[in-house]
C-alpha atoms as a PDB file:
ATOM      1  CA  MET A   1      10.003  16.924 -12.032  1.00  0.00           C
ATOM      2  CA  GLU A   2       8.123  19.614 -10.098  1.00  0.00           C
ATOM      3  CA  LYS A   3       9.780  22.936  -9.623  1.00  0.00           C
ATOM      4  CA  ILE A   4       9.233  24.907  -6.401  1.00  0.00           C
ATOM      5  CA  SER A   5      10.295  28.528  -6.120  1.00  0.00           C
ATOM      6  CA  ILE A   6      11.366  29.808  -2.731  1.00  0.00           C
ATOM      7  CA  PRO A   7       9.906  33.360  -2.224  1.00  0.00           C
ATOM      8  CA  THR A   8      12.508  35.908  -1.203  1.00  0.00           C
ATOM      9  CA  ASN A   9      10.763  36.553   2.153  1.00  0.00           C
ATOM     10  CA  THR A  10      10.693  32.836   3.083  1.00  0.00           C
ATOM     11  CA  MET A  11      12.933  32.048   6.079  1.00  0.00           C
ATOM     12  CA  ARG A  12      15.629  29.462   5.370  1.00  0.00           C
ATOM     13  CA  ILE A  13      15.569  26.930   8.236  1.00  0.00           C
ATOM     14  CA  ILE A  14      18.750  25.103   9.066  1.00  0.00           C
ATOM     15  CA  SER A  15      17.844  21.542   9.978  1.00  0.00           C
ATOM     16  CA  THR A  16      20.590  19.908  12.034  1.00  0.00           C
ATOM     17  CA  SER A  17      21.099  16.177  11.571  1.00  0.00           C
ATOM     18  CA  SER A  18      23.808  13.872  12.929  1.00  0.00           C
ATOM     19  CA  LYS A  19      25.755  14.710   9.695  1.00  0.00           C
ATOM     20  CA  GLY A  20      25.497  18.465   9.781  1.00  0.00           C
ATOM     21  CA  ASP A  21      23.150  21.168   8.396  1.00  0.00           C
ATOM     22  CA  GLN A  22      20.484  20.897   5.704  1.00  0.00           C
ATOM     23  CA  SER A  23      18.466  23.805   4.288  1.00  0.00           C
ATOM     24  CA  LYS A  24      14.687  23.572   4.310  1.00  0.00           C
ATOM     25  CA  TRP A  25      11.847  25.943   3.822  1.00  0.00           C
ATOM     26  CA  HIS A  26       8.154  26.080   4.792  1.00  0.00           C
ATOM     27  CA  VAL A  27       6.393  27.135   1.643  1.00  0.00           C
ATOM     28  CA  GLY A  28       2.544  27.212   1.979  1.00  0.00           C
ATOM     29  CA  GLU A  29       1.624  23.756   3.260  1.00  0.00           C
ATOM     30  CA  LYS A  30       4.873  22.167   1.937  1.00  0.00           C
ATOM     31  CA  TRP A  31       8.225  21.412   3.590  1.00  0.00           C
ATOM     32  CA  VAL A  32      10.938  21.744   1.000  1.00  0.00           C
ATOM     33  CA  LYS A  33      14.393  20.207   1.677  1.00  0.00           C
ATOM     34  CA  GLN A  34      17.588  20.724  -0.284  1.00  0.00           C
ATOM     35  CA  ASN A  35      20.101  17.919  -0.855  1.00  0.00           C
ATOM     36  CA  ALA A  36      23.146  18.601   1.322  1.00  0.00           C
ATOM     37  CA  ARG A  37      25.489  15.578   1.101  1.00  0.00           C
ATOM     38  CA  GLY A  38      24.323  13.565  -1.858  1.00  0.00           C
ATOM     39  CA  TYR A  39      20.990  12.162  -2.977  1.00  0.00           C
ATOM     40  CA  GLU A  40      18.870  12.608   0.224  1.00  0.00           C
ATOM     41  CA  GLY A  41      15.859  13.583  -1.858  1.00  0.00           C
ATOM     42  CA  LYS A  42      15.922  10.330  -3.767  1.00  0.00           C
ATOM     43  CA  ALA A  43      16.317   8.417  -0.525  1.00  0.00           C
ATOM     44  CA  GLU A  44      13.293  10.197   0.946  1.00  0.00           C
ATOM     45  CA  VAL A  45      11.178   9.490  -2.109  1.00  0.00           C
ATOM     46  CA  LEU A  46      12.198   5.811  -2.237  1.00  0.00           C
ATOM     47  CA  ALA A  47      11.666   5.313   1.515  1.00  0.00           C
ATOM     48  CA  SER A  48       8.089   6.676   1.190  1.00  0.00           C
ATOM     49  CA  LEU A  49       7.530   4.406  -1.857  1.00  0.00           C
ATOM     50  CA  ILE A  50       8.471   1.415   0.272  1.00  0.00           C
ATOM     51  CA  LEU A  51       5.986   2.424   2.904  1.00  0.00           C
ATOM     52  CA  ALA A  52       3.313   2.986   0.237  1.00  0.00           C
ATOM     53  CA  CYS A  53       3.730  -0.730  -0.471  1.00  0.00           C
ATOM     54  CA  SER A  54       3.221  -1.648   3.172  1.00  0.00           C
ATOM     55  CA  THR A  55       0.346  -2.309   5.490  1.00  0.00           C
ATOM     56  CA  LEU A  56       0.798   1.149   7.022  1.00  0.00           C
ATOM     57  CA  SER A  57      -1.953   3.669   6.393  1.00  0.00           C
ATOM     58  CA  GLU A  58      -1.203   6.900   4.582  1.00  0.00           C
ATOM     59  CA  GLN A  59      -1.458   8.691   7.959  1.00  0.00           C
ATOM     60  CA  GLU A  60       1.396   6.650   9.386  1.00  0.00           C
ATOM     61  CA  TYR A  61       4.124   7.883   7.070  1.00  0.00           C
ATOM     62  CA  VAL A  62       5.089  11.091   5.194  1.00  0.00           C
ATOM     63  CA  THR A  63       5.103  10.934   1.415  1.00  0.00           C
ATOM     64  CA  TYR A  64       8.032  12.708  -0.249  1.00  0.00           C
ATOM     65  CA  LYS A  65       8.222  13.811  -3.870  1.00  0.00           C
ATOM     66  CA  PRO A  66      11.338  14.932  -5.820  1.00  0.00           C
ATOM     67  CA  CYS A  67      11.599  18.536  -6.908  1.00  0.00           C
ATOM     68  CA  GLU A  68      13.917  21.192  -8.266  1.00  0.00           C
ATOM     69  CA  ILE A  69      14.233  24.119  -5.921  1.00  0.00           C
ATOM     70  CA  LEU A  70      14.511  27.566  -7.376  1.00  0.00           C
ATOM     71  CA  LEU A  71      16.333  29.690  -4.777  1.00  0.00           C
ATOM     72  CA  PRO A  72      15.858  33.466  -4.496  1.00  0.00           C
ATOM     73  CA  THR A  73      19.426  33.859  -5.721  1.00  0.00           C
ATOM     74  CA  GLY A  74      18.368  32.299  -9.055  1.00  0.00           C
ATOM     75  CA  GLU A  75      20.282  29.088  -8.421  1.00  0.00           C
ATOM     76  CA  THR A  76      18.536  25.787  -9.009  1.00  0.00           C
ATOM     77  CA  VAL A  77      19.219  22.873  -6.625  1.00  0.00           C
ATOM     78  CA  ASN A  78      17.771  19.412  -6.213  1.00  0.00           C
ATOM     79  CA  GLY A  79      15.761  18.126  -3.235  1.00  0.00           C
ATOM     80  CA  CYS A  80      12.325  16.918  -2.263  1.00  0.00           C
ATOM     81  CA  TYR A  81       9.153  18.060  -0.566  1.00  0.00           C
ATOM     82  CA  SER A  82       6.343  16.808   1.583  1.00  0.00           C
ATOM     83  CA  GLN A  83       3.059  18.113   2.951  1.00  0.00           C
ATOM     84  CA  ASP A  84       3.055  19.557   6.478  1.00  0.00           C
ATOM     85  CA  PHE A  85       1.512  16.825   8.658  1.00  0.00           C
ATOM     86  CA  ARG A  86       1.313  18.746  11.879  1.00  0.00           C
ATOM     87  CA  GLY A  87      -1.785  20.856  11.410  1.00  0.00           C
ATOM     88  CA  GLU A  88      -2.683  22.456  14.728  1.00  0.00           C
ATOM     89  CA  LEU A  89      -0.901  19.801  16.732  1.00  0.00           C
ATOM     90  CA  GLN A  90       2.245  20.551  18.692  1.00  0.00           C
ATOM     91  CA  GLU A  91       5.379  18.469  17.855  1.00  0.00           C
ATOM     92  CA  VAL A  92       7.399  17.102  20.706  1.00  0.00           C
ATOM     93  CA  THR A  93      10.529  15.081  20.047  1.00  0.00           C
ATOM     94  CA  LEU A  94      11.365  12.065  22.204  1.00  0.00           C
ATOM     95  CA  GLU A  95      14.328  14.029  23.572  1.00  0.00           C
ATOM     96  CA  ARG A  96      12.205  17.083  24.444  1.00  0.00           C
ATOM     97  CA  LEU A  97       9.659  14.792  26.078  1.00  0.00           C
ATOM     98  CA  PHE A  98      12.342  13.427  28.328  1.00  0.00           C
ATOM     99  CA  GLU A  99      13.932  16.787  29.092  1.00  0.00           C
ATOM    100  CA  ALA A 100      10.538  18.239  30.117  1.00  0.00           C
ATOM    101  CA  ASN A 101       9.516  15.297  32.328  1.00  0.00           C
ATOM    102  CA  PHE A 102      12.662  13.505  33.376  1.00  0.00           C
ATOM    103  CA  THR A 103      16.271  14.420  32.580  1.00  0.00           C
ATOM    104  CA  SER A 104      17.385  13.283  29.239  1.00  0.00           C
ATOM    105  CA  THR A 105      17.575   9.965  27.338  1.00  0.00           C
ATOM    106  CA  ASP A 106      21.356   9.784  27.877  1.00  0.00           C
ATOM    107  CA  SER A 107      21.191   8.143  31.271  1.00  0.00           C
ATOM    108  CA  ILE A 108      19.460   5.162  29.639  1.00  0.00           C
ATOM    109  CA  LEU A 109      20.898   5.111  26.133  1.00  0.00           C
ATOM    110  CA  ASN A 110      24.468   5.508  27.330  1.00  0.00           C
ATOM    111  CA  ASN A 111      24.179   2.871  30.053  1.00  0.00           C
ATOM    112  CA  LYS A 112      26.418   0.081  28.877  1.00  0.00           C
ATOM    113  CA  ALA A 113      25.036  -2.304  31.473  1.00  0.00           C
ATOM    114  CA  LEU A 114      21.706  -2.348  29.681  1.00  0.00           C
ATOM    115  CA  SER A 115      20.889  -4.397  26.574  1.00  0.00           C
ATOM    116  CA  SER A 116      19.204  -2.898  23.565  1.00  0.00           C
ATOM    117  CA  GLN A 117      15.985  -4.518  24.661  1.00  0.00           C
ATOM    118  CA  GLU A 118      16.274  -3.091  28.169  1.00  0.00           C
ATOM    119  CA  LYS A 119      17.053   0.394  26.891  1.00  0.00           C
ATOM    120  CA  PHE A 120      14.070   0.215  24.527  1.00  0.00           C
ATOM    121  CA  GLU A 121      11.736  -1.014  27.247  1.00  0.00           C
ATOM    122  CA  GLN A 122      12.826   1.705  29.742  1.00  0.00           C
ATOM    123  CA  ILE A 123      12.417   4.491  27.115  1.00  0.00           C
ATOM    124  CA  MET A 124       9.007   3.204  26.065  1.00  0.00           C
ATOM    125  CA  HIS A 125       7.919   2.918  29.683  1.00  0.00           C
ATOM    126  CA  HIS A 126       8.792   6.555  30.334  1.00  0.00           C
ATOM    127  CA  VAL A 127       6.903   7.543  27.127  1.00  0.00           C
ATOM    128  CA  GLU A 128       3.872   5.684  28.350  1.00  0.00           C
ATOM    129  CA  ILE A 129       3.985   7.466  31.725  1.00  0.00           C
ATOM    130  CA  VAL A 130       3.826  10.901  30.028  1.00  0.00           C
ATOM    131  CA  THR A 131       1.623  10.307  27.020  1.00  0.00           C
ATOM    132  CA  GLY A 132      -0.415   7.234  27.890  1.00  0.00           C
ATOM    133  CA  LEU A 133       0.735   5.698  24.611  1.00  0.00           C
ATOM    134  CA  ASP A 134       2.123   2.183  24.314  1.00  0.00           C
ATOM    135  CA  ALA A 135       4.457   3.004  21.460  1.00  0.00           C
ATOM    136  CA  ARG A 136       6.426  -0.259  21.527  1.00  0.00           C
ATOM    137  CA  ALA A 137       4.970  -1.853  18.373  1.00  0.00           C
ATOM    138  CA  VAL A 138       5.008   1.321  16.251  1.00  0.00           C
ATOM    139  CA  ILE A 139       8.537   2.402  17.250  1.00  0.00           C
ATOM    140  CA  SER A 140      10.001  -1.055  16.942  1.00  0.00           C
ATOM    141  CA  ARG A 141       8.458  -1.415  13.446  1.00  0.00           C
ATOM    142  CA  MET A 142      10.029   1.947  12.479  1.00  0.00           C
ATOM    143  CA  LEU A 143      13.418   0.728  13.718  1.00  0.00           C
ATOM    144  CA  ALA A 144      13.006  -2.422  11.543  1.00  0.00           C
ATOM    145  CA  PHE A 145      12.227  -0.160   8.602  1.00  0.00           C
ATOM    146  CA  ASP A 146      15.343   1.915   9.465  1.00  0.00           C
ATOM    147  CA  ALA A 147      17.445  -1.225   9.391  1.00  0.00           C
ATOM    148  CA  LEU A 148      16.122  -2.121   5.975  1.00  0.00           C
ATOM    149  CA  ILE A 149      16.953   1.268   4.468  1.00  0.00           C
ATOM    150  CA  LEU A 150      20.083   1.846   6.575  1.00  0.00           C
ATOM    151  CA  ASN A 151      18.754   5.027   8.108  1.00  0.00           C
ATOM    152  CA  GLU A 152      21.634   6.432  10.172  1.00  0.00           C
ATOM    153  CA  ASP A 153      19.797   9.473  11.522  1.00  0.00           C
ATOM    154  CA  ARG A 154      17.060   8.083  13.812  1.00  0.00           C
ATOM    155  CA  HIS A 155      18.352  10.075  16.810  1.00  0.00           C
ATOM    156  CA  THR A 156      16.036  10.967  19.635  1.00  0.00           C
ATOM    157  CA  ASN A 157      15.031  14.269  17.944  1.00  0.00           C
ATOM    158  CA  ASN A 158      13.830  12.228  14.913  1.00  0.00           C
ATOM    159  CA  ILE A 159      11.312  10.267  16.905  1.00  0.00           C
ATOM    160  CA  LEU A 160       8.303  12.573  17.170  1.00  0.00           C
ATOM    161  CA  PHE A 161       5.039  12.751  19.096  1.00  0.00           C
ATOM    162  CA  LEU A 162       2.176  15.105  18.466  1.00  0.00           C
ATOM    163  CA  TYR A 163       0.184  16.777  21.290  1.00  0.00           C
ATOM    164  CA  ASN A 164      -3.339  18.117  20.920  1.00  0.00           C
ATOM    165  CA  PRO A 165      -3.736  20.977  23.402  1.00  0.00           C
ATOM    166  CA  VAL A 166      -7.518  21.043  22.922  1.00  0.00           C
ATOM    167  CA  THR A 167      -8.159  17.381  23.778  1.00  0.00           C
ATOM    168  CA  GLN A 168      -4.888  17.094  25.777  1.00  0.00           C
ATOM    169  CA  SER A 169      -4.157  13.880  23.973  1.00  0.00           C
ATOM    170  CA  TRP A 170      -1.046  12.415  22.306  1.00  0.00           C
ATOM    171  CA  GLN A 171      -0.320  10.505  19.119  1.00  0.00           C
ATOM    172  CA  ILE A 172       2.736   9.143  17.464  1.00  0.00           C
ATOM    173  CA  ALA A 173       3.833  11.228  14.464  1.00  0.00           C
ATOM    174  CA  PRO A 174       4.095   9.545  11.064  1.00  0.00           C
ATOM    175  CA  ILE A 175       7.451   8.180   9.913  1.00  0.00           C
ATOM    176  CA  PHE A 176       9.376  11.139   8.496  1.00  0.00           C
ATOM    177  CA  ASP A 177      12.936  12.371   7.682  1.00  0.00           C
ATOM    178  CA  ASN A 178      14.545   9.349   6.020  1.00  0.00           C
ATOM    179  CA  GLY A 179      16.978  11.297   3.867  1.00  0.00           C
ATOM    180  CA  LEU A 180      20.157   9.951   5.433  1.00  0.00           C
ATOM    181  CA  SER A 181      19.478   6.393   4.317  1.00  0.00           C
ATOM    182  CA  LEU A 182      20.262   4.056   1.402  1.00  0.00           C
ATOM    183  CA  LEU A 183      23.883   5.399   1.420  1.00  0.00           C
ATOM    184  CA  SER A 184      22.640   8.875   0.315  1.00  0.00           C
ATOM    185  CA  ASP A 185      25.648  10.556   1.951  1.00  0.00           C
ATOM    186  CA  GLU A 186      28.120  10.441  -0.930  1.00  0.00           C
ATOM    187  CA  LYS A 187      30.749  12.237   1.106  1.00  0.00           C
ATOM    188  CA  ASP A 188      30.949   9.372   3.606  1.00  0.00           C
ATOM    189  CA  TYR A 189      29.997   6.631   1.141  1.00  0.00           C
ATOM    190  CA  PRO A 190      31.666   7.526  -2.144  1.00  0.00           C
ATOM    191  CA  PRO A 191      30.146   6.336  -5.402  1.00  0.00           C
ATOM    192  CA  GLY A 192      32.037   3.491  -7.022  1.00  0.00           C
ATOM    193  CA  LYS A 193      32.865   1.699  -3.829  1.00  0.00           C
ATOM    194  CA  PRO A 194      31.428  -1.853  -3.386  1.00  0.00           C
ATOM    195  CA  LEU A 195      28.058  -1.729  -1.570  1.00  0.00           C
ATOM    196  CA  THR A 196      29.055  -4.611   0.704  1.00  0.00           C
ATOM    197  CA  ILE A 197      31.924  -2.547   2.083  1.00  0.00           C
ATOM    198  CA  LEU A 198      29.900   0.665   2.400  1.00  0.00           C
ATOM    199  CA  LYS A 199      26.980  -0.947   4.101  1.00  0.00           C
ATOM    200  CA  ARG A 200      29.186  -2.227   6.908  1.00  0.00           C
ATOM    201  CA  LYS A 201      30.236   1.296   7.732  1.00  0.00           C
ATOM    202  CA  VAL A 202      26.709   2.592   8.489  1.00  0.00           C
ATOM    203  CA  LYS A 203      25.827   2.910  12.174  1.00  0.00           C
ATOM    204  CA  ALA A 204      22.294   2.753  13.597  1.00  0.00           C
ATOM    205  CA  LYS A 205      20.619   4.889  16.230  1.00  0.00           C
ATOM    206  CA  PRO A 206      19.405   5.273  18.976  1.00  0.00           C
ATOM    207  CA  PHE A 207      19.264   2.050  20.978  1.00  0.00           C
ATOM    208  CA  ASN A 208      22.271   0.399  19.437  1.00  0.00           C
ATOM    209  CA  SER A 209      24.820   1.129  16.693  1.00  0.00           C
ATOM    210  CA  SER A 210      24.004  -2.216  15.155  1.00  0.00           C
ATOM    211  CA  PHE A 211      21.034  -2.338  12.803  1.00  0.00           C
ATOM    212  CA  THR A 212      20.708  -6.080  13.413  1.00  0.00           C
ATOM    213  CA  ARG A 213      20.326  -5.540  17.185  1.00  0.00           C
ATOM    214  CA  GLN A 214      17.643  -2.871  16.595  1.00  0.00           C
ATOM    215  CA  LEU A 215      15.981  -5.061  14.014  1.00  0.00           C
ATOM    216  CA  ALA A 216      15.597  -7.726  16.667  1.00  0.00           C
ATOM    217  CA  LEU A 217      13.368  -5.379  18.729  1.00  0.00           C
ATOM    218  CA  TYR A 218      10.612  -5.848  16.175  1.00  0.00           C
ATOM    219  CA  THR A 219       8.594  -9.008  16.735  1.00  0.00           C
ATOM    220  CA  GLY A 220       5.467  -8.081  14.866  1.00  0.00           C
ATOM    221  CA  PRO A 221       4.017  -9.362  11.554  1.00  0.00           C
ATOM    222  CA  ALA A 222       5.430  -8.807   8.095  1.00  0.00           C
ATOM    223  CA  PHE A 223       4.320  -5.372   6.841  1.00  0.00           C
ATOM    224  CA  ILE A 224       5.891  -4.787   3.385  1.00  0.00           C
ATOM    225  CA  ASN A 225       4.304  -6.284   0.261  1.00  0.00           C
ATOM    226  CA  LYS A 226       7.397  -7.520  -1.618  1.00  0.00           C
ATOM    227  CA  THR A 227       5.541  -8.273  -4.847  1.00  0.00           C
ATOM    228  CA  LYS A 228       4.039  -4.788  -4.962  1.00  0.00           C
ATOM    229  CA  LEU A 229       7.296  -3.078  -4.033  1.00  0.00           C
ATOM    230  CA  LEU A 230       9.252  -4.811  -6.811  1.00  0.00           C
ATOM    231  CA  HIS A 231       6.543  -3.931  -9.261  1.00  0.00           C
ATOM    232  CA  GLN A 232       6.560  -0.276  -8.233  1.00  0.00           C
ATOM    233  CA  LEU A 233      10.383  -0.127  -8.505  1.00  0.00           C
ATOM    234  CA  GLU A 234      10.108  -1.422 -12.037  1.00  0.00           C
ATOM    235  CA  MET A 235       7.358   0.931 -13.092  1.00  0.00           C
ATOM    236  CA  HIS A 236       8.314   4.086 -11.201  1.00  0.00           C
ATOM    237  CA  SER A 237       9.225   7.039 -13.391  1.00  0.00           C
ATOM    238  CA  ASN A 238      11.912   8.299 -10.996  1.00  0.00           C
ATOM    239  CA  GLU A 239      15.464   7.133 -11.516  1.00  0.00           C
ATOM    240  CA  PHE A 240      16.683   6.119  -8.043  1.00  0.00           C
ATOM    241  CA  GLY A 241      20.190   5.184  -9.002  1.00  0.00           C
ATOM    242  CA  ARG A 242      22.302   3.757  -6.256  1.00  0.00           C
ATOM    243  CA  ALA A 243      19.506   4.110  -3.725  1.00  0.00           C
ATOM    244  CA  LYS A 244      17.569   1.405  -5.623  1.00  0.00           C
ATOM    245  CA  GLN A 245      20.673  -0.822  -5.777  1.00  0.00           C
ATOM    246  CA  VAL A 246      21.113  -0.568  -2.018  1.00  0.00           C
ATOM    247  CA  LEU A 247      17.447  -1.359  -1.396  1.00  0.00           C
ATOM    248  CA  LEU A 248      17.541  -4.439  -3.645  1.00  0.00           C
ATOM    249  CA  SER A 249      20.748  -5.580  -1.882  1.00  0.00           C
ATOM    250  CA  GLN A 250      19.026  -5.277   1.475  1.00  0.00           C
ATOM    251  CA  MET A 251      15.904  -7.099   0.240  1.00  0.00           C
ATOM    252  CA  ASN A 252      18.127 -10.065  -0.707  1.00  0.00           C
ATOM    253  CA  ASP A 253      19.452 -10.346   2.821  1.00  0.00           C
ATOM    254  CA  PRO A 254      17.709 -13.191   4.704  1.00  0.00           C
ATOM    255  CA  ILE A 255      17.688 -11.126   8.007  1.00  0.00           C
ATOM    256  CA  PHE A 256      14.858  -9.040   6.547  1.00  0.00           C
ATOM    257  CA  ASP A 257      12.692 -11.920   5.343  1.00  0.00           C
ATOM    258  CA  HIS A 258      10.267 -11.508   8.244  1.00  0.00           C
ATOM    259  CA  LEU A 259       9.436  -7.907   7.132  1.00  0.00           C
ATOM    260  CA  PHE A 260       8.062  -9.059   3.768  1.00  0.00           C
ATOM    261  CA  PHE A 261       5.054 -10.909   2.558  1.00  0.00           C
ATOM    262  CA  GLU A 262       4.265 -11.978  -1.003  1.00  0.00           C
ATOM    263  CA  GLY A 263       1.069 -10.698  -2.518  1.00  0.00           C
ATOM    264  CA  SER A 264      -0.444  -9.102  -5.587  1.00  0.00           C
ATOM    265  CA  ASP A 265      -3.302  -7.142  -3.957  1.00  0.00           C
ATOM    266  CA  HIS A 266      -3.599  -3.475  -4.998  1.00  0.00           C
ATOM    267  CA  ILE A 267      -0.823  -3.629  -7.610  1.00  0.00           C
ATOM    268  CA  ASP A 268      -1.571  -0.840 -10.103  1.00  0.00           C
END
């Protein structure tokens, strides 16, 4: 496993999720994240492995790798790292986009009179007004992926757009920040408890607390090569532990059948 030393002059950034704070550092061109509640690093690595076995291009998701983090204090902790995908582009979260151009997403997302589909459509319509992007297919596919991996942290600050100030154009950021998935939070989902019980406790975001309801927003084609994924899980050098068990359990659930296709292309 790669070891990454955090220089003493590197600022520790506190990343706030729906579960609390997580330490991360920007070291060179890498973002380094420390495990905070369990095995978030393994979840990130496994999530990006799934996407590597999909029809998404490498530019559409962030690849995470496991690492040991050598802190300036001399302590060694576990985590993961990824390359900085932003370049010269400015990052704008969905929430910031709304706050700058409308009010906030709350008036739509907290409206109990609206269905999940209606909330999704209204949010995507507002995004299109500001950015010119029809993000429906890409965002709904991401929500389907979130349902598969039980990502409980896809709040409106974890849906990201990138703005190019030179060309004054927008693009959807790659899928990133999947650490709070696959029951990685061992504080809320203690090891040793049955997966069937723990999985029922996980709540989705942002359009509905039900992963099934958000999964229904995706009506596109299958995008994960099941044959390749199972092969990669068998051959991968990283020990994914419970994260792998959760994924296999999810893959056996018929509600996700439409996300997978069988195939042997590009298995290596």
